[in-house]
C-alpha atoms as a PDB file:
ATOM      1  CA  UNK A   1     -21.531 -17.552  17.585  1.00  0.00           C
ATOM      2  CA  UNK A   2     -22.957 -14.617  19.614  1.00  0.00           C
ATOM      3  CA  UNK A   3     -26.452 -15.875  19.816  1.00  0.00           C
ATOM      4  CA  UNK A   4     -25.819 -18.966  21.966  1.00  0.00           C
ATOM      5  CA  UNK A   5     -29.562 -19.232  22.899  1.00  0.00           C
ATOM      6  CA  UNK A   6     -30.422 -19.319  19.287  1.00  0.00           C
ATOM      7  CA  UNK A   7     -33.419 -16.722  19.864  1.00  0.00           C
ATOM      8  CA  UNK A   8     -32.568 -14.524  16.868  1.00  0.00           C
ATOM      9  CA  UNK A   9     -31.443 -11.635  19.033  1.00  0.00           C
ATOM     10  CA  UNK A  10     -28.316 -10.798  20.717  1.00  0.00           C
ATOM     11  CA  UNK A  11     -28.674 -10.095  24.558  1.00  0.00           C
ATOM     12  CA  UNK A  12     -25.787  -7.597  26.310  1.00  0.00           C
ATOM     13  CA  UNK A  13     -24.804 -10.427  28.352  1.00  0.00           C
ATOM     14  CA  UNK A  14     -24.247 -12.753  25.042  1.00  0.00           C
ATOM     15  CA  UNK A  15     -22.252  -9.954  23.454  1.00  0.00           C
ATOM     16  CA  UNK A  16     -20.124  -9.294  26.291  1.00  0.00           C
ATOM     17  CA  UNK A  17     -19.161 -12.829  26.740  1.00  0.00           C
ATOM     18  CA  UNK A  18     -18.274 -13.443  22.893  1.00  0.00           C
ATOM     19  CA  UNK A  19     -16.012 -10.419  22.747  1.00  0.00           C
ATOM     20  CA  UNK A  20     -14.461 -11.613  25.727  1.00  0.00           C
ATOM     21  CA  UNK A  21     -13.954 -15.203  24.736  1.00  0.00           C
ATOM     22  CA  UNK A  22     -14.622 -15.864  21.032  1.00  0.00           C
ATOM     23  CA  UNK A  23     -11.584 -15.256  18.958  1.00  0.00           C
ATOM     24  CA  UNK A  24     -13.480 -15.308  15.674  1.00  0.00           C
ATOM     25  CA  UNK A  25     -15.682 -13.039  16.839  1.00  0.00           C
ATOM     26  CA  UNK A  26     -12.990 -10.538  18.214  1.00  0.00           C
ATOM     27  CA  UNK A  27     -11.385 -10.920  14.787  1.00  0.00           C
ATOM     28  CA  UNK A  28     -14.301  -9.916  12.670  1.00  0.00           C
ATOM     29  CA  UNK A  29     -15.496  -7.303  14.677  1.00  0.00           C
ATOM     30  CA  UNK A  30     -11.803  -5.641  14.777  1.00  0.00           C
ATOM     31  CA  UNK A  31     -11.869  -5.530  10.794  1.00  0.00           C
ATOM     32  CA  UNK A  32     -15.578  -5.141  10.202  1.00  0.00           C
ATOM     33  CA  UNK A  33     -15.220  -1.382   9.311  1.00  0.00           C
ATOM     34  CA  UNK A  34     -18.445  -0.372  11.605  1.00  0.00           C
ATOM     35  CA  UNK A  35     -17.496   1.569  14.563  1.00  0.00           C
ATOM     36  CA  UNK A  36     -20.245   0.768  16.720  1.00  0.00           C
ATOM     37  CA  UNK A  37     -19.502  -2.977  16.231  1.00  0.00           C
ATOM     38  CA  UNK A  38     -15.904  -2.562  16.620  1.00  0.00           C
ATOM     39  CA  UNK A  39     -16.905  -0.531  20.107  1.00  0.00           C
ATOM     40  CA  UNK A  40     -18.583  -3.743  21.316  1.00  0.00           C
ATOM     41  CA  UNK A  41     -14.923  -4.641  22.122  1.00  0.00           C
ATOM     42  CA  UNK A  42     -13.964  -1.407  24.188  1.00  0.00           C
ATOM     43  CA  UNK A  43     -15.904  -1.567  27.469  1.00  0.00           C
ATOM     44  CA  UNK A  44     -16.070   2.113  27.861  1.00  0.00           C
ATOM     45  CA  UNK A  45     -18.110   2.515  24.893  1.00  0.00           C
ATOM     46  CA  UNK A  46     -20.042  -1.080  24.784  1.00  0.00           C
ATOM     47  CA  UNK A  47     -23.480   0.183  26.064  1.00  0.00           C
ATOM     48  CA  UNK A  48     -23.589   3.308  23.879  1.00  0.00           C
ATOM     49  CA  UNK A  49     -22.622   0.985  20.928  1.00  0.00           C
ATOM     50  CA  UNK A  50     -25.170  -0.915  21.816  1.00  0.00           C
ATOM     51  CA  UNK A  51     -27.817   1.748  22.259  1.00  0.00           C
ATOM     52  CA  UNK A  52     -26.857   3.071  18.782  1.00  0.00           C
ATOM     53  CA  UNK A  53     -27.168  -0.445  17.445  1.00  0.00           C
ATOM     54  CA  UNK A  54     -30.569  -1.334  19.148  1.00  0.00           C
ATOM     55  CA  UNK A  55     -32.429   1.084  16.748  1.00  0.00           C
ATOM     56  CA  UNK A  56     -35.946  -0.055  17.830  1.00  0.00           C
ATOM     57  CA  UNK A  57     -35.056  -0.034  21.521  1.00  0.00           C
ATOM     58  CA  UNK A  58     -36.112  -3.524  22.332  1.00  0.00           C
ATOM     59  CA  UNK A  59     -32.823  -3.745  24.524  1.00  0.00           C
ATOM     60  CA  UNK A  60     -31.637  -6.578  22.070  1.00  0.00           C
ATOM     61  CA  UNK A  61     -29.893  -6.311  18.878  1.00  0.00           C
ATOM     62  CA  UNK A  62     -31.981  -8.296  16.278  1.00  0.00           C
ATOM     63  CA  UNK A  63     -31.032  -9.763  13.024  1.00  0.00           C
ATOM     64  CA  UNK A  64     -32.358  -6.976  10.682  1.00  0.00           C
ATOM     65  CA  UNK A  65     -30.230  -4.378  12.889  1.00  0.00           C
ATOM     66  CA  UNK A  66     -27.183  -6.616  12.843  1.00  0.00           C
ATOM     67  CA  UNK A  67     -27.361  -6.547   9.135  1.00  0.00           C
ATOM     68  CA  UNK A  68     -27.784  -2.930   8.889  1.00  0.00           C
ATOM     69  CA  UNK A  69     -24.662  -2.523  10.643  1.00  0.00           C
ATOM     70  CA  UNK A  70     -22.704  -4.999   8.726  1.00  0.00           C
ATOM     71  CA  UNK A  71     -23.800  -3.141   5.447  1.00  0.00           C
ATOM     72  CA  UNK A  72     -22.646  -0.047   6.864  1.00  0.00           C
ATOM     73  CA  UNK A  73     -19.085  -1.643   7.960  1.00  0.00           C
ATOM     74  CA  UNK A  74     -19.249  -3.422   4.221  1.00  0.00           C
ATOM     75  CA  UNK A  75     -19.931  -0.039   2.567  1.00  0.00           C
ATOM     76  CA  UNK A  76     -16.734   1.662   4.598  1.00  0.00           C
ATOM     77  CA  UNK A  77     -14.282  -0.819   3.577  1.00  0.00           C
ATOM     78  CA  UNK A  78     -15.508  -0.655  -0.020  1.00  0.00           C
ATOM     79  CA  UNK A  79     -15.034   3.141   0.250  1.00  0.00           C
ATOM     80  CA  UNK A  80     -11.443   2.655   1.782  1.00  0.00           C
ATOM     81  CA  UNK A  81     -10.407   0.019  -1.143  1.00  0.00           C
ATOM     82  CA  UNK A  82     -11.802   2.313  -3.830  1.00  0.00           C
ATOM     83  CA  UNK A  83      -9.757   5.372  -2.416  1.00  0.00           C
ATOM     84  CA  UNK A  84      -6.818   3.421  -1.752  1.00  0.00           C
ATOM     85  CA  UNK A  85      -7.492   1.948  -5.785  1.00  0.00           C
ATOM     86  CA  UNK A  86      -8.069   5.535  -6.857  1.00  0.00           C
ATOM     87  CA  UNK A  87      -4.836   6.962  -5.510  1.00  0.00           C
ATOM     88  CA  UNK A  88      -2.847   3.968  -6.726  1.00  0.00           C
ATOM     89  CA  UNK A  89      -4.531   4.117 -10.270  1.00  0.00           C
ATOM     90  CA  UNK A  90      -3.290   8.018 -10.405  1.00  0.00           C
ATOM     91  CA  UNK A  91       0.276   7.236  -9.175  1.00  0.00           C
ATOM     92  CA  UNK A  92       0.352   4.282 -11.703  1.00  0.00           C
ATOM     93  CA  UNK A  93      -0.769   6.587 -14.633  1.00  0.00           C
ATOM     94  CA  UNK A  94       1.729   9.023 -13.772  1.00  0.00           C
ATOM     95  CA  UNK A  95       4.616   6.606 -13.262  1.00  0.00           C
ATOM     96  CA  UNK A  96       3.840   4.895 -16.481  1.00  0.00           C
ATOM     97  CA  UNK A  97       3.874   8.149 -18.298  1.00  0.00           C
ATOM     98  CA  UNK A  98       7.320   8.918 -17.035  1.00  0.00           C
ATOM     99  CA  UNK A  99       8.501   5.342 -17.682  1.00  0.00           C
ATOM    100  CA  UNK A 100       7.190   5.434 -21.227  1.00  0.00           C
ATOM    101  CA  UNK A 101       8.625   8.905 -22.031  1.00  0.00           C
ATOM    102  CA  UNK A 102      12.213   7.880 -20.647  1.00  0.00           C
ATOM    103  CA  UNK A 103      12.024   4.215 -22.184  1.00  0.00           C
ATOM    104  CA  UNK A 104      11.243   5.963 -25.811  1.00  0.00           C
ATOM    105  CA  UNK A 105      13.827   8.458 -25.203  1.00  0.00           C
ATOM    106  CA  UNK A 106      16.457   5.623 -24.056  1.00  0.00           C
ATOM    107  CA  UNK A 107      15.320   3.767 -27.452  1.00  0.00           C
ATOM    108  CA  UNK A 108      15.875   6.658 -29.872  1.00  0.00           C
ATOM    109  CA  UNK A 109      19.277   6.855 -28.041  1.00  0.00           C
ATOM    110  CA  UNK A 110      20.421   3.508 -28.572  1.00  0.00           C
ATOM    111  CA  UNK A 111      19.357   3.647 -31.980  1.00  0.00           C
ATOM    112  CA  UNK A 112      21.557   6.720 -32.517  1.00  0.00           C
ATOM    113  CA  UNK A 113      24.287   4.815 -30.692  1.00  0.00           C
ATOM    114  CA  UNK A 114      24.372   1.864 -32.990  1.00  0.00           C
ATOM    115  CA  UNK A 115      24.007   3.818 -36.204  1.00  0.00           C
ATOM    116  CA  UNK A 116      27.513   4.749 -36.233  1.00  0.00           C
ATOM    117  CA  UNK A 117      27.541   6.026 -39.747  1.00  0.00           C
ATOM    118  CA  UNK A 118      24.183   8.030 -39.107  1.00  0.00           C
ATOM    119  CA  UNK A 119      22.470   6.248 -42.182  1.00  0.00           C
ATOM    120  CA  UNK A 120      19.128   6.015 -40.486  1.00  0.00           C
ATOM    121  CA  UNK A 121      19.505   2.488 -40.102  1.00  0.00           C
ATOM    122  CA  UNK A 122      21.159  -0.504 -38.486  1.00  0.00           C
ATOM    123  CA  UNK A 123      23.245  -3.090 -40.661  1.00  0.00           C
ATOM    124  CA  UNK A 124      24.284  -6.276 -39.028  1.00  0.00           C
ATOM    125  CA  UNK A 125      27.865  -4.935 -38.470  1.00  0.00           C
ATOM    126  CA  UNK A 126      26.817  -1.808 -36.464  1.00  0.00           C
ATOM    127  CA  UNK A 127      24.599  -4.169 -34.445  1.00  0.00           C
ATOM    128  CA  UNK A 128      27.535  -6.864 -33.921  1.00  0.00           C
ATOM    129  CA  UNK A 129      30.015  -3.943 -32.669  1.00  0.00           C
ATOM    130  CA  UNK A 130      27.588  -2.346 -30.619  1.00  0.00           C
ATOM    131  CA  UNK A 131      26.311  -5.525 -28.767  1.00  0.00           C
ATOM    132  CA  UNK A 132      29.881  -6.334 -27.975  1.00  0.00           C
ATOM    133  CA  UNK A 133      31.172  -3.318 -26.821  1.00  0.00           C
ATOM    134  CA  UNK A 134      28.476  -0.407 -25.984  1.00  0.00           C
ATOM    135  CA  UNK A 135      27.490  -0.931 -22.343  1.00  0.00           C
ATOM    136  CA  UNK A 136      24.474   1.427 -22.513  1.00  0.00           C
ATOM    137  CA  UNK A 137      23.225  -0.571 -25.605  1.00  0.00           C
ATOM    138  CA  UNK A 138      23.912  -4.036 -23.898  1.00  0.00           C
ATOM    139  CA  UNK A 139      21.932  -2.583 -20.527  1.00  0.00           C
ATOM    140  CA  UNK A 140      19.036  -1.260 -22.459  1.00  0.00           C
ATOM    141  CA  UNK A 141      18.679  -4.269 -24.828  1.00  0.00           C
ATOM    142  CA  UNK A 142      18.879  -6.650 -21.552  1.00  0.00           C
ATOM    143  CA  UNK A 143      15.773  -5.524 -20.176  1.00  0.00           C
ATOM    144  CA  UNK A 144      13.906  -3.972 -23.319  1.00  0.00           C
ATOM    145  CA  UNK A 145      10.901  -6.356 -22.974  1.00  0.00           C
ATOM    146  CA  UNK A 146      11.303  -7.403 -26.585  1.00  0.00           C
ATOM    147  CA  UNK A 147      12.850 -10.858 -27.384  1.00  0.00           C
ATOM    148  CA  UNK A 148      13.912 -10.074 -30.525  1.00  0.00           C
ATOM    149  CA  UNK A 149      15.938  -6.996 -29.323  1.00  0.00           C
ATOM    150  CA  UNK A 150      17.230  -9.289 -26.545  1.00  0.00           C
ATOM    151  CA  UNK A 151      18.334 -11.782 -28.832  1.00  0.00           C
ATOM    152  CA  UNK A 152      20.503  -9.392 -30.293  1.00  0.00           C
ATOM    153  CA  UNK A 153      22.724 -10.081 -27.558  1.00  0.00           C
ATOM    154  CA  UNK A 154      22.978 -14.003 -27.769  1.00  0.00           C
ATOM    155  CA  UNK A 155      25.439 -14.794 -30.811  1.00  0.00           C
ATOM    156  CA  UNK A 156      23.574 -17.872 -31.717  1.00  0.00           C
ATOM    157  CA  UNK A 157      20.453 -15.908 -31.944  1.00  0.00           C
ATOM    158  CA  UNK A 158      21.521 -12.770 -33.500  1.00  0.00           C
ATOM    159  CA  UNK A 159      21.067 -14.071 -37.236  1.00  0.00           C
ATOM    160  CA  UNK A 160      17.728 -15.054 -36.647  1.00  0.00           C
ATOM    161  CA  UNK A 161      16.665 -11.773 -34.670  1.00  0.00           C
ATOM    162  CA  UNK A 162      17.940  -9.551 -37.605  1.00  0.00           C
ATOM    163  CA  UNK A 163      15.482 -11.353 -39.829  1.00  0.00           C
ATOM    164  CA  UNK A 164      12.611 -10.971 -37.398  1.00  0.00           C
ATOM    165  CA  UNK A 165      13.271  -7.319 -37.108  1.00  0.00           C
ATOM    166  CA  UNK A 166      13.905  -6.410 -40.609  1.00  0.00           C
ATOM    167  CA  UNK A 167      10.059  -6.969 -41.566  1.00  0.00           C
ATOM    168  CA  UNK A 168      10.546  -5.569 -45.290  1.00  0.00           C
ATOM    169  CA  UNK A 169      13.513  -8.077 -45.803  1.00  0.00           C
ATOM    170  CA  UNK A 170      15.647  -4.934 -47.245  1.00  0.00           C
ATOM    171  CA  UNK A 171      18.821  -6.320 -45.185  1.00  0.00           C
ATOM    172  CA  UNK A 172      18.908  -3.662 -42.470  1.00  0.00           C
ATOM    173  CA  UNK A 173      16.613  -2.369 -39.794  1.00  0.00           C
ATOM    174  CA  UNK A 174      15.258   0.976 -40.537  1.00  0.00           C
ATOM    175  CA  UNK A 175      14.002   3.590 -37.830  1.00  0.00           C
ATOM    176  CA  UNK A 176      10.287   2.214 -38.541  1.00  0.00           C
ATOM    177  CA  UNK A 177      11.083  -1.223 -37.929  1.00  0.00           C
ATOM    178  CA  UNK A 178      12.949  -0.108 -34.769  1.00  0.00           C
ATOM    179  CA  UNK A 179      10.116   1.796 -33.564  1.00  0.00           C
ATOM    180  CA  UNK A 180       7.749  -0.948 -34.162  1.00  0.00           C
ATOM    181  CA  UNK A 181      10.063  -3.242 -32.074  1.00  0.00           C
ATOM    182  CA  UNK A 182      10.462  -0.659 -29.493  1.00  0.00           C
ATOM    183  CA  UNK A 183       6.300  -0.005 -29.365  1.00  0.00           C
ATOM    184  CA  UNK A 184       6.071  -4.168 -28.646  1.00  0.00           C
ATOM    185  CA  UNK A 185       8.818  -3.873 -25.997  1.00  0.00           C
ATOM    186  CA  UNK A 186       7.120  -0.961 -24.406  1.00  0.00           C
ATOM    187  CA  UNK A 187       3.809  -2.724 -24.171  1.00  0.00           C
ATOM    188  CA  UNK A 188       5.463  -5.629 -22.463  1.00  0.00           C
ATOM    189  CA  UNK A 189       6.832  -3.385 -19.925  1.00  0.00           C
ATOM    190  CA  UNK A 190       3.806  -1.868 -19.200  1.00  0.00           C
ATOM    191  CA  UNK A 191       2.154  -5.061 -18.697  1.00  0.00           C
ATOM    192  CA  UNK A 192       4.751  -6.397 -16.280  1.00  0.00           C
ATOM    193  CA  UNK A 193       4.574  -3.271 -14.357  1.00  0.00           C
ATOM    194  CA  UNK A 194       0.608  -3.660 -14.221  1.00  0.00           C
ATOM    195  CA  UNK A 195       0.983  -7.101 -13.057  1.00  0.00           C
ATOM    196  CA  UNK A 196       3.340  -6.017 -10.497  1.00  0.00           C
ATOM    197  CA  UNK A 197       1.212  -3.495  -9.289  1.00  0.00           C
ATOM    198  CA  UNK A 198      -1.301  -5.640  -8.989  1.00  0.00           C
ATOM    199  CA  UNK A 199       0.278  -7.623  -6.511  1.00  0.00           C
ATOM    200  CA  UNK A 200       1.596  -4.737  -4.816  1.00  0.00           C
ATOM    201  CA  UNK A 201      -1.930  -3.521  -4.442  1.00  0.00           C
ATOM    202  CA  UNK A 202      -2.932  -6.575  -2.711  1.00  0.00           C
ATOM    203  CA  UNK A 203       0.030  -6.414  -0.211  1.00  0.00           C
ATOM    204  CA  UNK A 204      -1.006  -2.511   0.441  1.00  0.00           C
ATOM    205  CA  UNK A 205      -4.467  -3.717   1.382  1.00  0.00           C
ATOM    206  CA  UNK A 206      -3.208  -6.123   3.886  1.00  0.00           C
ATOM    207  CA  UNK A 207      -0.865  -3.776   5.222  1.00  0.00           C
ATOM    208  CA  UNK A 208      -3.449  -0.975   5.566  1.00  0.00           C
ATOM    209  CA  UNK A 209      -5.784  -3.397   7.329  1.00  0.00           C
ATOM    210  CA  UNK A 210      -3.101  -4.729   9.715  1.00  0.00           C
ATOM    211  CA  UNK A 211      -1.972  -1.435  10.558  1.00  0.00           C
ATOM    212  CA  UNK A 212      -5.367   0.016  11.257  1.00  0.00           C
ATOM    213  CA  UNK A 213      -6.495  -2.647  13.482  1.00  0.00           C
ATOM    214  CA  UNK A 214      -3.267  -2.539  15.381  1.00  0.00           C
ATOM    215  CA  UNK A 215      -3.540   1.402  15.593  1.00  0.00           C
ATOM    216  CA  UNK A 216      -6.983   1.413  16.780  1.00  0.00           C
ATOM    217  CA  UNK A 217      -6.389  -1.703  19.331  1.00  0.00           C
ATOM    218  CA  UNK A 218      -3.409   0.474  20.623  1.00  0.00           C
ATOM    219  CA  UNK A 219      -5.668   3.473  21.021  1.00  0.00           C
ATOM    220  CA  UNK A 220      -8.350   1.548  22.929  1.00  0.00           C
ATOM    221  CA  UNK A 221      -5.940   0.197  25.180  1.00  0.00           C
ATOM    222  CA  UNK A 222      -4.144   3.316  25.912  1.00  0.00           C
ATOM    223  CA  UNK A 223      -7.679   5.025  26.763  1.00  0.00           C
ATOM    224  CA  UNK A 224      -8.274   2.283  29.204  1.00  0.00           C
ATOM    225  CA  UNK A 225      -4.866   2.569  30.623  1.00  0.00           C
ATOM    226  CA  UNK A 226      -5.380   6.105  31.393  1.00  0.00           C
ATOM    227  CA  UNK A 227      -8.828   5.887  32.228  1.00  0.00           C
ATOM    228  CA  UNK A 228      -8.056   4.352  36.091  1.00  0.00           C
ATOM    229  CA  UNK A 229     -11.118   4.865  37.298  1.00  0.00           C
ATOM    230  CA  UNK A 230     -12.941   3.583  34.774  1.00  0.00           C
ATOM    231  CA  UNK A 231     -15.637   6.314  34.382  1.00  0.00           C
ATOM    232  CA  UNK A 232     -15.179   6.152  30.407  1.00  0.00           C
ATOM    233  CA  UNK A 233     -13.723   9.667  30.406  1.00  0.00           C
ATOM    234  CA  UNK A 234     -10.514  10.982  30.595  1.00  0.00           C
ATOM    235  CA  UNK A 235      -9.725  13.596  33.389  1.00  0.00           C
ATOM    236  CA  UNK A 236      -6.745  15.971  33.221  1.00  0.00           C
ATOM    237  CA  UNK A 237      -5.257  14.339  36.494  1.00  0.00           C
ATOM    238  CA  UNK A 238      -5.452  11.116  34.674  1.00  0.00           C
ATOM    239  CA  UNK A 239      -4.018  12.189  31.546  1.00  0.00           C
ATOM    240  CA  UNK A 240      -1.061  13.751  33.452  1.00  0.00           C
ATOM    241  CA  UNK A 241      -0.277  10.757  35.342  1.00  0.00           C
ATOM    242  CA  UNK A 242      -0.262   8.735  32.443  1.00  0.00           C
ATOM    243  CA  UNK A 243       1.878  10.866  30.334  1.00  0.00           C
ATOM    244  CA  UNK A 244       4.314  10.743  32.906  1.00  0.00           C
ATOM    245  CA  UNK A 245       4.144   7.100  34.425  1.00  0.00           C
ATOM    246  CA  UNK A 246       2.913   4.848  31.548  1.00  0.00           C
ATOM    247  CA  UNK A 247       5.583   3.632  28.861  1.00  0.00           C
ATOM    248  CA  UNK A 248       2.952   2.360  26.384  1.00  0.00           C
ATOM    249  CA  UNK A 249       0.804   5.360  26.689  1.00  0.00           C
ATOM    250  CA  UNK A 250       3.949   7.474  26.058  1.00  0.00           C
ATOM    251  CA  UNK A 251       4.982   5.275  23.112  1.00  0.00           C
ATOM    252  CA  UNK A 252       1.693   5.616  21.512  1.00  0.00           C
ATOM    253  CA  UNK A 253       0.988   9.133  22.090  1.00  0.00           C
ATOM    254  CA  UNK A 254       4.627  10.004  20.468  1.00  0.00           C
ATOM    255  CA  UNK A 255       3.689   8.090  17.186  1.00  0.00           C
ATOM    256  CA  UNK A 256      -0.200   8.467  16.658  1.00  0.00           C
ATOM    257  CA  UNK A 257       0.019  11.480  14.055  1.00  0.00           C
ATOM    258  CA  UNK A 258      -2.419  13.610  15.800  1.00  0.00           C
ATOM    259  CA  UNK A 259      -0.774  16.660  16.929  1.00  0.00           C
ATOM    260  CA  UNK A 260      -3.023  17.710  19.786  1.00  0.00           C
ATOM    261  CA  UNK A 261      -2.701  14.207  21.206  1.00  0.00           C
ATOM    262  CA  UNK A 262       1.120  14.438  20.918  1.00  0.00           C
ATOM    263  CA  UNK A 263       1.061  17.650  22.915  1.00  0.00           C
ATOM    264  CA  UNK A 264      -0.439  15.692  25.973  1.00  0.00           C
ATOM    265  CA  UNK A 265       3.242  14.945  26.345  1.00  0.00           C
ATOM    266  CA  UNK A 266       4.493  18.348  26.523  1.00  0.00           C
ATOM    267  CA  UNK A 267       3.784  20.336  29.938  1.00  0.00           C
ATOM    268  CA  UNK A 268       3.396  23.685  28.328  1.00  0.00           C
ATOM    269  CA  UNK A 269       1.214  22.690  25.444  1.00  0.00           C
ATOM    270  CA  UNK A 270      -0.773  20.252  27.342  1.00  0.00           C
ATOM    271  CA  UNK A 271      -3.805  22.405  28.661  1.00  0.00           C
ATOM    272  CA  UNK A 272      -4.494  23.890  25.340  1.00  0.00           C
ATOM    273  CA  UNK A 273      -4.403  20.374  23.641  1.00  0.00           C
ATOM    274  CA  UNK A 274      -7.098  19.304  26.185  1.00  0.00           C
ATOM    275  CA  UNK A 275      -9.137  22.372  25.355  1.00  0.00           C
ATOM    276  CA  UNK A 276      -9.219  21.455  21.626  1.00  0.00           C
ATOM    277  CA  UNK A 277      -9.716  17.608  22.356  1.00  0.00           C
ATOM    278  CA  UNK A 278     -12.569  18.501  24.667  1.00  0.00           C
ATOM    279  CA  UNK A 279     -15.208  19.408  21.864  1.00  0.00           C
ATOM    280  CA  UNK A 280     -18.273  19.299  24.475  1.00  0.00           C
ATOM    281  CA  UNK A 281     -16.340  21.721  26.961  1.00  0.00           C
ATOM    282  CA  UNK A 282     -17.134  19.145  29.716  1.00  0.00           C
ATOM    283  CA  UNK A 283     -13.787  19.406  31.296  1.00  0.00           C
ATOM    284  CA  UNK A 284     -12.730  15.849  30.292  1.00  0.00           C
ATOM    285  CA  UNK A 285     -12.209  13.460  27.082  1.00  0.00           C
ATOM    286  CA  UNK A 286     -14.745  11.299  26.362  1.00  0.00           C
ATOM    287  CA  UNK A 287     -14.642   8.436  24.198  1.00  0.00           C
ATOM    288  CA  UNK A 288     -16.170  10.108  21.277  1.00  0.00           C
ATOM    289  CA  UNK A 289     -13.680  13.101  21.726  1.00  0.00           C
ATOM    290  CA  UNK A 290     -11.132  10.393  22.056  1.00  0.00           C
ATOM    291  CA  UNK A 291     -12.116   8.541  18.875  1.00  0.00           C
ATOM    292  CA  UNK A 292     -12.032  11.619  16.661  1.00  0.00           C
ATOM    293  CA  UNK A 293      -8.672  12.485  17.298  1.00  0.00           C
ATOM    294  CA  UNK A 294      -7.660   8.842  16.913  1.00  0.00           C
ATOM    295  CA  UNK A 295      -9.055   8.962  13.509  1.00  0.00           C
ATOM    296  CA  UNK A 296      -7.459  12.002  12.441  1.00  0.00           C
ATOM    297  CA  UNK A 297      -4.146  10.549  13.570  1.00  0.00           C
ATOM    298  CA  UNK A 298      -4.906   7.247  11.704  1.00  0.00           C
ATOM    299  CA  UNK A 299      -5.786   9.204   8.455  1.00  0.00           C
ATOM    300  CA  UNK A 300      -2.234  11.214   8.889  1.00  0.00           C
ATOM    301  CA  UNK A 301      -0.506   7.849   9.660  1.00  0.00           C
ATOM    302  CA  UNK A 302      -1.705   5.984   6.516  1.00  0.00           C
ATOM    303  CA  UNK A 303      -0.707   8.727   4.243  1.00  0.00           C
ATOM    304  CA  UNK A 304       2.770   8.640   5.606  1.00  0.00           C
ATOM    305  CA  UNK A 305       2.705   4.913   5.274  1.00  0.00           C
ATOM    306  CA  UNK A 306       1.533   5.240   1.558  1.00  0.00           C
ATOM    307  CA  UNK A 307       4.515   7.612   0.961  1.00  0.00           C
ATOM    308  CA  UNK A 308       6.993   5.175   2.610  1.00  0.00           C
ATOM    309  CA  UNK A 309       5.261   2.022   0.607  1.00  0.00           C
ATOM    310  CA  UNK A 310       5.618   3.888  -2.630  1.00  0.00           C
ATOM    311  CA  UNK A 311       9.235   4.662  -2.014  1.00  0.00           C
ATOM    312  CA  UNK A 312       9.973   1.289  -0.954  1.00  0.00           C
ATOM    313  CA  UNK A 313       8.305  -0.167  -4.198  1.00  0.00           C
ATOM    314  CA  UNK A 314      10.397   2.582  -6.562  1.00  0.00           C
ATOM    315  CA  UNK A 315      13.724   1.538  -4.720  1.00  0.00           C
ATOM    316  CA  UNK A 316      12.868  -2.315  -5.196  1.00  0.00           C
ATOM    317  CA  UNK A 317      11.832  -1.885  -8.649  1.00  0.00           C
ATOM    318  CA  UNK A 318      15.421  -0.034  -9.482  1.00  0.00           C
ATOM    319  CA  UNK A 319      17.223  -2.801  -7.546  1.00  0.00           C
ATOM    320  CA  UNK A 320      15.156  -5.496  -9.717  1.00  0.00           C
ATOM    321  CA  UNK A 321      16.157  -3.756 -12.764  1.00  0.00           C
ATOM    322  CA  UNK A 322      19.845  -3.488 -12.082  1.00  0.00           C
ATOM    323  CA  UNK A 323      19.942  -7.090 -10.643  1.00  0.00           C
ATOM    324  CA  UNK A 324      18.343  -8.428 -13.835  1.00  0.00           C
ATOM    325  CA  UNK A 325      20.804  -6.359 -16.018  1.00  0.00           C
ATOM    326  CA  UNK A 326      23.729  -7.807 -14.260  1.00  0.00           C
ATOM    327  CA  UNK A 327      22.660 -11.457 -14.050  1.00  0.00           C
ATOM    328  CA  UNK A 328      21.953 -11.513 -17.897  1.00  0.00           C
ATOM    329  CA  UNK A 329      24.796  -9.931 -18.899  1.00  0.00           C
ATOM    330  CA  UNK A 330      26.927 -12.537 -16.782  1.00  0.00           C
ATOM    331  CA  UNK A 331      24.842 -15.485 -18.096  1.00  0.00           C
ATOM    332  CA  UNK A 332      25.810 -14.265 -21.576  1.00  0.00           C
ATOM    333  CA  UNK A 333      29.316 -14.100 -20.909  1.00  0.00           C
ATOM    334  CA  UNK A 334      29.006 -17.635 -19.233  1.00  0.00           C
ATOM    335  CA  UNK A 335      27.352 -19.007 -22.416  1.00  0.00           C
ATOM    336  CA  UNK A 336      30.281 -17.325 -24.675  1.00  0.00           C
ATOM    337  CA  UNK A 337      33.013 -18.854 -22.082  1.00  0.00           C
ATOM    338  CA  UNK A 338      31.264 -22.375 -22.512  1.00  0.00           C
ATOM    339  CA  UNK A 339      30.922 -22.133 -26.223  1.00  0.00           C
ATOM    340  CA  UNK A 340      34.898 -22.595 -27.286  1.00  0.00           C
ATOM    341  CA  UNK A 341      33.958 -22.962 -31.145  1.00  0.00           C
END
């Protein structure tokens, strides 16, 4: 798509034309993960990016040089995915351990609530009484993950469920039989959680990619808005003017996540912030210095995004659990209301 003359190399004019007009090229470069390829979209940085990509200094980017850059981008993207996957796995292990502990504790409590005579086993009369009147028992069984335990809540299925749970056929459910059913229930619940996390992980990857692309595009747009003379560096005068007069620049800096970029909005902190951002002490902020600060801000914002995403997922899981319990409970009541005989 870029190599219009099919020469096998990419000239600067071919690249400039493509990054202006070809949406497929633009979309790919935005998300490729290799900064110098992404900088082809950023006019102040394009020439330097080309010089870095053109490793043999031929004045053009050949196929081998292109592939090297693409492989760097791929490696970076895979590293990002691995980091996110590891973070989610750690969170999942911790969450599953907490869930399992709480689930097993609730299961033991429910057994004791049903076992009114504290005999150590559950007879049919105790089960029938509990599933009719004890809200805590009903709530646990509704979402426990084991069909036979759930069928204890359905009068028409209760006899069959008791028979399935009573594996030694002695006429009641002892603690061992209860624990076996609970282990099966827990395995099912953990499998459900794993499947749900898989869907959430895919959504998270998409969210991260979209946020990163939007963030970096906004950052580069802000650089160009501040760089009024198009010199490729930001002078103090240009920054002071932009943080007073450019609403888009002000909005981005407020939310960028990097302290020194945010301090550009505070007159009392601006000089010190510029000194820190100006890594080579040239008196101006060049594209590399800007990108370093932007990447620090992006890392912080992605951490904040991950925390917020986990909070949303926990809240959604709790809401779904509550809705399911209420819905299934109502469904059973409706069945009983219809079943007049």
